[in-house]
N, C-alpha and C. Protein backbone atom coordinates (compact mmCIF):
# COMPACT_ATOMS: atom_id res chain seq x y z
N UNK A 1 88.43 146.29 105.14
CA UNK A 1 87.10 146.37 105.27
C UNK A 1 87.11 146.61 103.64
N UNK A 2 86.00 146.30 103.36
CA UNK A 2 85.32 146.33 102.10
C UNK A 2 84.48 147.93 102.13
N UNK A 3 84.49 148.15 100.94
CA UNK A 3 84.18 149.81 100.81
C UNK A 3 82.79 149.68 99.65
N UNK A 4 82.03 149.96 100.27
CA UNK A 4 81.00 150.52 99.18
C UNK A 4 80.79 151.51 98.28
N UNK A 5 80.60 151.59 96.92
CA UNK A 5 79.98 152.80 96.78
C UNK A 5 78.68 153.41 96.77
N UNK A 6 78.23 154.41 96.85
CA UNK A 6 76.89 155.25 96.56
C UNK A 6 77.11 155.99 95.64
N UNK A 7 76.03 156.44 94.94
CA UNK A 7 75.38 157.15 94.11
C UNK A 7 74.06 158.23 94.27
N UNK A 8 74.30 159.50 94.08
CA UNK A 8 72.71 160.37 94.91
C UNK A 8 73.38 161.87 94.09
N UNK A 9 72.28 161.99 93.78
CA UNK A 9 71.97 163.59 93.22
C UNK A 9 71.15 164.40 93.57
N UNK A 10 70.87 165.78 93.73
CA UNK A 10 69.55 166.71 93.87
C UNK A 10 69.18 166.21 95.39
N UNK A 11 70.01 166.54 96.33
CA UNK A 11 69.19 166.58 97.28
C UNK A 11 69.25 167.99 97.74
N UNK A 12 69.38 169.11 97.86
CA UNK A 12 68.92 170.13 97.87
C UNK A 12 68.41 170.58 99.23
N UNK A 13 69.53 170.49 99.85
CA UNK A 13 69.38 170.61 101.28
C UNK A 13 68.95 172.34 101.19
N UNK A 14 67.86 172.19 102.31
CA UNK A 14 68.05 173.89 102.67
C UNK A 14 67.36 174.57 101.69
N UNK A 15 66.82 173.73 100.68
CA UNK A 15 65.86 174.73 99.64
C UNK A 15 64.40 174.41 99.79
N UNK A 16 64.06 174.73 100.19
CA UNK A 16 62.39 175.29 100.84
C UNK A 16 61.23 174.70 99.64
N UNK A 17 61.55 175.38 98.31
CA UNK A 17 60.94 175.34 97.23
C UNK A 17 60.93 174.25 96.52
N UNK A 18 61.76 173.58 96.81
CA UNK A 18 61.98 172.58 96.07
C UNK A 18 61.13 171.18 96.21
N UNK A 19 60.58 171.52 97.73
CA UNK A 19 59.41 170.44 98.22
C UNK A 19 58.18 170.50 97.31
N UNK A 20 57.67 171.80 96.59
CA UNK A 20 56.53 172.22 96.09
C UNK A 20 57.04 171.69 94.49
N UNK A 21 58.29 172.63 94.12
CA UNK A 21 58.83 171.99 92.69
C UNK A 21 58.84 170.84 91.89
N UNK A 22 58.53 169.83 93.47
CA UNK A 22 59.18 168.47 92.39
C UNK A 22 58.37 167.76 93.57
N UNK A 23 57.15 167.76 93.45
CA UNK A 23 56.45 166.96 94.82
C UNK A 23 57.16 166.36 95.60
N UNK A 24 58.16 166.64 96.40
CA UNK A 24 58.71 165.89 97.41
C UNK A 24 57.51 165.57 98.84
N UNK A 25 57.26 164.33 99.28
CA UNK A 25 56.56 164.26 100.17
C UNK A 25 56.65 164.87 101.60
N UNK A 26 57.12 165.75 101.68
CA UNK A 26 57.49 166.27 103.30
C UNK A 26 56.70 167.85 103.79
N UNK A 27 56.76 167.52 104.78
CA UNK A 27 55.89 169.03 104.93
C UNK A 27 56.40 170.42 105.15
N UNK A 28 57.92 170.18 105.73
CA UNK A 28 58.56 171.31 105.47
C UNK A 28 60.00 170.68 105.24
N UNK A 29 60.90 171.86 105.57
CA UNK A 29 62.20 171.79 104.46
C UNK A 29 63.18 170.97 105.72
N UNK A 30 62.48 171.00 107.27
CA UNK A 30 63.23 170.60 108.03
C UNK A 30 62.78 169.03 107.94
N UNK A 31 62.03 168.68 107.64
CA UNK A 31 62.10 167.07 107.63
C UNK A 31 62.27 166.48 106.57
N UNK A 32 62.48 167.08 105.60
CA UNK A 32 62.95 166.59 104.16
C UNK A 32 64.32 166.32 104.51
N UNK A 33 65.17 167.46 104.74
CA UNK A 33 66.78 167.65 105.04
C UNK A 33 66.47 166.31 106.45
N UNK A 34 66.05 165.87 107.17
CA UNK A 34 65.83 165.11 108.50
C UNK A 34 65.94 163.80 107.47
N UNK A 35 65.01 163.60 106.85
CA UNK A 35 64.27 162.37 106.24
C UNK A 35 65.59 161.58 105.32
N UNK A 36 66.25 163.13 104.34
CA UNK A 36 67.37 162.89 103.67
C UNK A 36 68.37 161.79 104.76
N UNK A 37 69.06 162.87 105.88
CA UNK A 37 70.22 162.74 106.28
C UNK A 37 69.90 161.11 106.74
N UNK A 38 68.56 160.67 107.62
CA UNK A 38 68.45 159.52 108.28
C UNK A 38 68.39 158.39 106.61
N UNK A 39 68.13 158.00 105.79
CA UNK A 39 67.90 157.77 105.00
C UNK A 39 69.30 157.31 104.38
N UNK A 40 70.22 158.14 104.42
CA UNK A 40 71.69 158.43 104.07
C UNK A 40 72.23 157.55 104.67
N UNK A 41 72.16 158.08 105.76
CA UNK A 41 73.03 157.22 106.96
C UNK A 41 72.37 155.73 107.63
N UNK A 42 71.10 155.06 106.96
CA UNK A 42 70.56 153.86 106.99
C UNK A 42 71.56 153.44 106.11
N UNK A 43 72.41 153.63 105.00
CA UNK A 43 72.39 152.35 104.02
C UNK A 43 74.65 152.50 103.92
N UNK A 44 75.20 154.03 104.46
CA UNK A 44 75.98 154.58 103.98
C UNK A 44 76.76 154.69 105.42
N UNK A 45 78.18 153.21 105.34
CA UNK A 45 79.21 153.44 106.74
C UNK A 45 80.00 154.76 106.86
N UNK A 46 80.71 154.57 107.70
CA UNK A 46 81.73 155.93 107.85
C UNK A 46 82.97 155.54 106.67
N UNK A 47 82.82 154.39 106.13
CA UNK A 47 84.51 153.98 105.45
C UNK A 47 83.61 153.77 103.91
N UNK A 48 82.32 154.17 103.86
CA UNK A 48 81.91 153.82 102.21
C UNK A 48 82.41 155.81 101.49
N UNK A 49 82.23 155.36 100.10
CA UNK A 49 82.36 156.36 99.22
C UNK A 49 80.80 156.67 98.82
N UNK A 50 80.72 157.77 98.86
CA UNK A 50 79.21 158.07 98.22
C UNK A 50 79.43 159.43 96.97
N UNK A 51 79.00 159.37 96.13
CA UNK A 51 79.57 160.33 94.54
C UNK A 51 78.15 161.19 95.05
N UNK A 52 78.55 162.63 95.02
CA UNK A 52 76.74 163.68 94.97
C UNK A 52 77.37 164.04 93.68
N UNK A 53 76.21 163.58 92.97
CA UNK A 53 76.30 164.72 91.55
C UNK A 53 75.46 165.58 91.50
N UNK A 54 75.66 166.55 92.12
CA UNK A 54 75.44 167.99 92.12
C UNK A 54 73.90 168.60 93.02
N UNK A 55 73.70 169.73 93.05
CA UNK A 55 73.01 170.20 93.41
C UNK A 55 72.65 169.66 94.99
N UNK A 56 73.92 169.89 95.93
CA UNK A 56 74.24 169.11 97.31
C UNK A 56 73.09 170.25 98.11
N UNK A 57 72.97 171.55 98.30
CA UNK A 57 72.42 172.36 98.72
C UNK A 57 71.50 173.71 98.45
N UNK A 58 71.13 174.45 99.01
CA UNK A 58 70.49 175.89 97.80
C UNK A 58 70.65 176.88 99.46
N UNK A 59 71.18 178.13 98.71
CA UNK A 59 70.86 179.28 99.57
C UNK A 59 72.18 179.07 100.32
N UNK A 60 73.16 178.72 99.82
CA UNK A 60 74.88 178.30 100.35
C UNK A 60 75.31 179.52 101.17
N UNK A 61 75.01 180.85 100.93
CA UNK A 61 75.37 181.76 101.75
C UNK A 61 74.61 182.19 103.57
N UNK A 62 73.09 182.19 103.10
CA UNK A 62 72.43 182.31 104.40
C UNK A 62 72.67 181.07 105.23
N UNK A 63 72.73 180.25 104.34
CA UNK A 63 72.49 178.86 105.01
C UNK A 63 73.49 178.08 105.52
N UNK A 64 74.93 178.81 105.87
CA UNK A 64 75.91 178.02 105.63
C UNK A 64 76.27 177.03 106.89
N UNK A 65 75.91 178.01 107.85
CA UNK A 65 75.82 176.53 109.24
C UNK A 65 75.02 175.72 108.97
N UNK A 66 73.86 175.57 108.90
CA UNK A 66 73.07 174.91 108.52
C UNK A 66 73.61 173.20 107.65
N UNK A 67 74.07 174.05 106.65
CA UNK A 67 74.81 173.27 105.58
C UNK A 67 75.73 172.52 105.79
N UNK A 68 76.75 173.70 106.80
CA UNK A 68 78.21 172.59 107.43
C UNK A 68 77.28 171.48 108.24
N UNK A 69 76.75 171.64 109.07
CA UNK A 69 75.78 171.04 109.61
C UNK A 69 75.68 169.40 109.34
N UNK A 70 75.12 169.71 108.49
CA UNK A 70 73.83 168.36 107.54
C UNK A 70 75.24 167.52 107.10
N UNK A 71 76.36 168.43 106.21
CA UNK A 71 77.14 167.91 105.54
C UNK A 71 77.93 166.82 106.51
N UNK A 72 78.29 167.25 108.07
CA UNK A 72 78.88 166.54 108.71
C UNK A 72 78.01 165.42 109.51
N UNK A 73 76.78 165.05 109.12
CA UNK A 73 75.60 164.38 110.24
C UNK A 73 75.97 163.27 108.96
N UNK A 74 76.04 163.30 107.67
CA UNK A 74 76.21 162.52 106.74
C UNK A 74 77.13 161.60 106.77
N UNK A 75 77.32 159.98 107.02
CA UNK A 75 78.46 159.45 106.85
C UNK A 75 79.03 159.18 105.39
N UNK A 76 80.31 158.57 105.44
CA UNK A 76 80.77 158.43 104.38
C UNK A 76 81.94 159.11 103.69
N UNK A 77 82.70 158.81 102.73
CA UNK A 77 83.84 159.92 102.10
C UNK A 77 82.78 160.36 101.07
N UNK A 78 82.77 161.71 100.93
CA UNK A 78 81.61 162.56 100.05
C UNK A 78 82.77 163.25 99.12
N UNK A 79 82.40 162.18 97.55
CA UNK A 79 82.76 163.43 96.51
C UNK A 79 81.83 163.79 95.84
N UNK A 80 82.06 165.46 95.73
CA UNK A 80 81.27 166.52 95.09
C UNK A 80 81.66 166.68 93.07
N UNK A 81 80.38 166.75 92.76
CA UNK A 81 80.59 166.71 91.47
C UNK A 81 79.32 168.09 91.20
N UNK A 82 80.05 169.00 90.56
CA UNK A 82 79.86 170.20 90.56
C UNK A 82 78.13 170.75 89.83
N UNK A 83 77.15 170.64 90.75
CA UNK A 83 76.19 171.33 89.70
C UNK A 83 75.77 172.32 89.75
N UNK A 84 74.62 173.18 89.33
CA UNK A 84 74.44 174.45 89.06
C UNK A 84 74.22 175.12 90.01
N UNK A 85 73.87 174.34 91.21
CA UNK A 85 73.69 174.83 92.50
C UNK A 85 74.74 175.45 93.68
N UNK A 86 75.76 174.63 92.68
CA UNK A 86 77.41 174.86 93.84
C UNK A 86 78.06 175.99 93.50
N UNK A 87 77.79 176.48 92.30
CA UNK A 87 78.55 178.07 91.82
C UNK A 87 78.41 178.95 92.40
N UNK A 88 79.08 180.08 92.33
CA UNK A 88 78.79 181.68 92.83
C UNK A 88 78.55 182.44 91.81
N UNK A 89 78.31 183.49 92.03
CA UNK A 89 77.98 184.56 90.44
C UNK A 89 79.31 184.62 89.41
N UNK A 90 80.31 184.57 89.86
CA UNK A 90 81.53 184.50 89.04
C UNK A 90 81.86 182.54 88.53
N UNK A 91 81.33 182.03 88.89
CA UNK A 91 80.81 180.79 88.62
C UNK A 91 82.23 179.48 89.24
N UNK A 92 82.53 179.96 90.17
CA UNK A 92 83.49 179.15 91.31
C UNK A 92 82.62 178.24 92.19
N UNK A 93 83.17 177.79 92.64
CA UNK A 93 82.52 176.50 94.20
C UNK A 93 82.48 177.76 94.72
N UNK A 94 81.51 177.60 95.37
CA UNK A 94 80.49 178.74 96.38
C UNK A 94 81.76 178.40 97.47
N UNK A 95 81.72 179.28 98.09
CA UNK A 95 83.20 179.33 99.47
C UNK A 95 82.56 178.23 100.52
N UNK A 96 81.23 178.27 100.60
CA UNK A 96 80.71 177.06 101.76
C UNK A 96 80.62 175.88 101.78
N UNK A 97 80.22 175.34 100.29
CA UNK A 97 80.89 174.47 99.92
C UNK A 97 82.40 173.82 99.20
N UNK A 98 82.92 174.99 99.25
CA UNK A 98 84.44 174.52 99.35
C UNK A 98 85.30 174.42 100.58
N UNK A 99 84.26 175.23 101.69
CA UNK A 99 85.15 174.41 103.33
C UNK A 99 84.86 173.47 103.74
N UNK A 100 83.89 172.76 103.05
CA UNK A 100 83.50 171.44 103.25
C UNK A 100 84.69 170.23 103.23
N UNK A 101 84.65 169.32 104.02
CA UNK A 101 85.95 168.25 103.78
C UNK A 101 85.25 167.19 103.17
N UNK A 102 85.31 167.36 101.73
CA UNK A 102 84.78 166.48 100.95
C UNK A 102 86.56 165.30 100.71
N UNK A 103 86.20 164.58 100.01
CA UNK A 103 87.29 163.53 99.95
C UNK A 103 87.97 163.80 99.02
N UNK A 104 87.64 164.74 98.00
CA UNK A 104 88.56 164.81 96.64
C UNK A 104 88.11 166.31 96.58
N UNK A 105 88.89 167.38 95.73
CA UNK A 105 88.25 168.21 95.17
C UNK A 105 87.24 168.05 94.45
N UNK A 106 86.12 169.08 94.56
CA UNK A 106 85.11 168.98 94.26
C UNK A 106 85.18 169.42 92.42
N UNK A 107 84.74 168.29 91.55
CA UNK A 107 84.98 168.32 90.19
C UNK A 107 83.65 168.74 89.41
N UNK A 108 83.97 169.00 88.12
CA UNK A 108 82.36 169.10 87.44
C UNK A 108 81.70 167.40 86.78
N UNK A 109 83.04 166.96 86.29
CA UNK A 109 82.90 165.69 85.92
C UNK A 109 83.85 164.47 86.58
N UNK A 110 83.47 163.22 86.58
CA UNK A 110 84.94 162.49 87.23
C UNK A 110 84.53 161.27 86.33
N UNK A 111 85.49 160.53 86.91
CA UNK A 111 85.25 158.71 86.40
C UNK A 111 85.40 158.25 87.21
N UNK A 112 85.10 156.46 87.60
CA UNK A 112 85.59 155.87 88.40
C UNK A 112 85.26 154.26 87.94
N UNK A 113 85.28 153.30 88.81
CA UNK A 113 85.86 151.91 88.82
C UNK A 113 84.17 151.60 89.42
N UNK A 114 83.05 150.50 88.66
CA UNK A 114 82.05 149.95 89.68
C UNK A 114 81.75 149.13 88.99
N UNK A 115 81.51 147.82 89.32
CA UNK A 115 80.63 146.75 88.91
C UNK A 115 81.50 146.23 87.73
N UNK A 116 82.65 146.60 87.66
CA UNK A 116 83.59 145.99 86.84
C UNK A 116 83.55 146.95 85.70
N UNK A 117 82.98 148.03 85.66
CA UNK A 117 82.87 149.15 84.41
C UNK A 117 83.65 150.62 84.42
N UNK A 118 83.26 151.23 83.95
CA UNK A 118 83.87 152.78 83.91
C UNK A 118 82.90 153.39 84.26
N UNK A 119 82.85 154.12 85.13
CA UNK A 119 81.15 155.00 85.35
C UNK A 119 81.52 156.35 85.19
N UNK A 120 81.00 156.81 84.31
CA UNK A 120 81.11 158.39 83.80
C UNK A 120 79.78 159.07 85.25
N UNK A 121 80.51 160.25 85.65
CA UNK A 121 80.04 160.87 86.88
C UNK A 121 80.07 162.67 86.18
N UNK A 122 78.68 163.06 86.08
CA UNK A 122 78.38 164.51 85.96
C UNK A 122 77.24 164.91 86.27
N UNK A 123 76.93 166.25 86.81
CA UNK A 123 75.63 166.96 87.18
C UNK A 123 74.67 166.58 86.09
N UNK A 124 74.75 166.98 84.99
CA UNK A 124 74.25 167.20 83.71
C UNK A 124 74.23 165.79 82.67
N UNK A 125 73.00 165.49 82.21
CA UNK A 125 73.25 164.66 81.46
C UNK A 125 74.13 164.69 80.13
N UNK A 126 74.78 163.72 79.47
CA UNK A 126 75.40 163.51 78.14
C UNK A 126 75.44 162.93 77.24
N UNK A 127 75.05 163.19 75.80
CA UNK A 127 74.45 161.90 74.94
C UNK A 127 75.37 161.23 74.19
N UNK A 128 76.63 161.53 74.57
CA UNK A 128 78.13 160.49 74.81
C UNK A 128 79.17 161.04 75.86
N UNK A 129 80.26 159.82 76.04
CA UNK A 129 80.78 159.86 77.12
C UNK A 129 81.99 159.07 77.29
N UNK A 130 82.88 159.50 77.79
CA UNK A 130 83.91 158.62 77.85
C UNK A 130 83.71 157.00 77.67
N UNK A 131 84.72 156.40 77.29
CA UNK A 131 84.52 154.79 77.42
C UNK A 131 82.86 154.18 76.95
N UNK A 132 82.61 154.80 76.59
CA UNK A 132 80.96 154.66 76.15
C UNK A 132 80.75 153.43 75.56
N UNK A 133 81.70 153.32 74.04
CA UNK A 133 81.68 152.38 73.37
C UNK A 133 82.55 151.23 73.53
N UNK A 134 82.63 150.94 74.91
CA UNK A 134 83.43 149.83 75.71
C UNK A 134 82.55 149.41 76.63
N UNK A 135 81.13 150.36 77.03
CA UNK A 135 80.10 149.67 77.99
C UNK A 135 80.52 150.59 78.86
N UNK A 136 80.90 151.60 78.97
CA UNK A 136 80.98 153.02 80.19
C UNK A 136 79.35 152.93 80.80
N UNK A 137 79.40 153.52 82.13
CA UNK A 137 77.78 153.83 82.21
C UNK A 137 77.90 155.34 82.98
N UNK A 138 76.68 155.78 82.48
CA UNK A 138 76.74 157.28 82.59
C UNK A 138 76.18 157.86 83.69
N UNK A 139 76.24 157.97 84.75
CA UNK A 139 75.41 158.20 86.13
C UNK A 139 75.23 159.78 86.26
N UNK A 140 74.06 160.95 86.09
CA UNK A 140 73.47 161.90 85.72
C UNK A 140 72.58 162.54 87.26
N UNK A 141 72.36 163.76 87.59
CA UNK A 141 71.35 164.49 88.06
C UNK A 141 70.57 165.93 87.55
N UNK A 142 70.37 166.93 88.08
CA UNK A 142 69.93 167.82 87.29
C UNK A 142 68.38 167.86 86.96
N UNK A 143 67.68 166.70 86.04
CA UNK A 143 66.94 166.56 85.57
C UNK A 143 65.51 166.19 86.27
N UNK A 144 65.78 165.41 87.27
CA UNK A 144 64.83 165.44 88.31
C UNK A 144 63.64 164.43 87.57
N UNK A 145 64.02 163.45 86.86
CA UNK A 145 63.62 162.62 86.26
C UNK A 145 62.83 162.89 84.95
N UNK A 146 63.10 164.00 84.49
CA UNK A 146 62.39 164.13 83.22
C UNK A 146 63.31 164.16 82.32
N UNK A 147 64.24 163.49 82.16
CA UNK A 147 64.78 163.26 80.80
C UNK A 147 65.62 162.05 81.31
N UNK A 148 64.42 160.93 80.46
CA UNK A 148 65.25 159.63 80.30
C UNK A 148 66.69 159.50 79.77
N UNK A 149 67.12 158.34 80.80
CA UNK A 149 68.62 158.00 79.98
C UNK A 149 68.79 157.31 78.46
N UNK A 150 70.02 156.93 77.95
CA UNK A 150 69.67 156.29 77.05
C UNK A 150 71.05 155.63 76.86
N UNK A 151 70.75 154.67 76.34
CA UNK A 151 71.46 153.25 76.43
C UNK A 151 72.30 152.78 77.75
N UNK A 152 73.31 153.13 78.00
CA UNK A 152 73.47 152.67 79.85
C UNK A 152 73.78 154.12 80.32
N UNK A 153 72.91 154.81 80.26
CA UNK A 153 72.95 156.83 81.51
C UNK A 153 71.56 156.67 81.85
N UNK A 154 71.65 156.59 82.83
CA UNK A 154 70.42 157.22 83.96
C UNK A 154 70.57 158.33 84.77
N UNK A 155 69.59 159.09 85.30
CA UNK A 155 69.34 159.77 86.22
C UNK A 155 69.35 159.30 87.62
N UNK A 156 70.26 159.83 88.54
CA UNK A 156 70.48 158.90 89.65
C UNK A 156 69.93 160.06 91.01
N UNK A 157 68.69 161.35 90.30
CA UNK A 157 68.58 162.27 91.62
C UNK A 157 67.90 161.24 92.56
N UNK A 158 67.45 162.13 93.43
CA UNK A 158 67.02 161.40 94.99
C UNK A 158 65.97 161.55 95.12
N UNK A 159 64.49 161.99 93.80
CA UNK A 159 63.54 162.07 93.66
C UNK A 159 62.99 161.27 92.59
N UNK A 160 63.86 160.40 92.38
CA UNK A 160 63.45 159.00 91.24
C UNK A 160 62.87 157.99 92.63
N UNK A 161 61.52 157.51 91.81
CA UNK A 161 60.97 156.33 92.42
C UNK A 161 62.20 155.10 93.14
N UNK A 162 62.55 154.93 92.31
CA UNK A 162 63.89 153.80 92.90
C UNK A 162 64.74 154.68 93.28
N UNK A 163 65.02 155.32 93.84
CA UNK A 163 66.16 156.20 94.63
C UNK A 163 65.48 156.62 96.14
N UNK A 164 64.68 156.96 95.51
CA UNK A 164 63.49 157.27 97.12
C UNK A 164 64.35 157.69 98.18
N UNK A 165 64.67 159.15 97.88
CA UNK A 165 65.79 159.89 98.74
C UNK A 165 66.97 159.28 99.63
N UNK A 166 67.27 158.41 99.22
CA UNK A 166 68.59 157.34 99.59
C UNK A 166 69.59 156.81 98.69
N UNK A 167 71.35 157.24 99.33
CA UNK A 167 72.01 156.97 97.88
C UNK A 167 72.20 155.31 97.38
N UNK A 168 71.62 155.21 96.43
CA UNK A 168 72.45 154.02 96.12
C UNK A 168 73.58 153.34 94.90
N UNK A 169 73.45 152.08 95.34
CA UNK A 169 74.73 150.93 94.90
C UNK A 169 74.48 151.20 93.14
N UNK A 170 75.65 151.03 92.61
CA UNK A 170 75.66 150.70 90.91
C UNK A 170 74.95 149.44 90.95
N UNK A 171 74.93 148.73 91.71
CA UNK A 171 73.91 147.37 91.20
C UNK A 171 72.17 147.90 91.28
N UNK A 172 72.04 148.94 92.41
CA UNK A 172 70.94 148.55 92.25
C UNK A 172 70.36 149.93 91.25
N UNK A 173 71.34 151.23 90.79
CA UNK A 173 70.42 151.90 89.90
C UNK A 173 71.27 151.49 88.06
N UNK A 174 71.66 150.03 87.77
CA UNK A 174 71.51 149.58 86.80
C UNK A 174 71.06 147.82 86.75
N UNK A 175 70.21 148.37 87.39
CA UNK A 175 69.32 146.73 88.02
C UNK A 175 68.21 146.76 86.38
N UNK A 176 68.38 145.73 85.38
CA UNK A 176 67.62 145.62 84.62
C UNK A 176 68.32 146.54 82.88
N UNK A 177 69.44 147.53 83.65
CA UNK A 177 70.25 148.48 82.40
C UNK A 177 71.26 147.11 81.73
N UNK A 178 71.91 146.65 82.91
CA UNK A 178 72.82 145.62 82.17
C UNK A 178 72.63 144.21 82.49
N UNK A 179 72.79 143.46 80.92
CA UNK A 179 72.71 142.46 80.93
C UNK A 179 74.27 141.16 81.92
């Protein structure tokens, strides 16, 4: 069976202030989280791979059960690229996230292949990245659309207009970027 790959960043599940901070079009965090889950599951199948490029959720300690429930409602084999909201005060992966059933151990950066190209995934934008000189693409999050991509790089944050709170494919994200 064919497996699709999808990319997304900055879902910020359970982060009430993100609605106001990033002008997200939701009346409440419950509406926000439900819309993201519905959008996610409308495109992702159980066998598909989803690379989440960080800031999966917020207030990981007090919202651990809610975050766990949201995680298990999301279809696909989920890979986490560690962002700033994934870490505890010591700089380690927060236990709430460490306990989830990720498809692989969460990493600070990851390389994969898609669309016949190397793809470098990180929460933070890089000015240079592995295999860049050979046409590798770089996807990042964190900047919420405030840091334009350079060359073959781009923000895949959930609140960008062409991402629209939905995991997107390599082809969708690189449309107009690759000849």
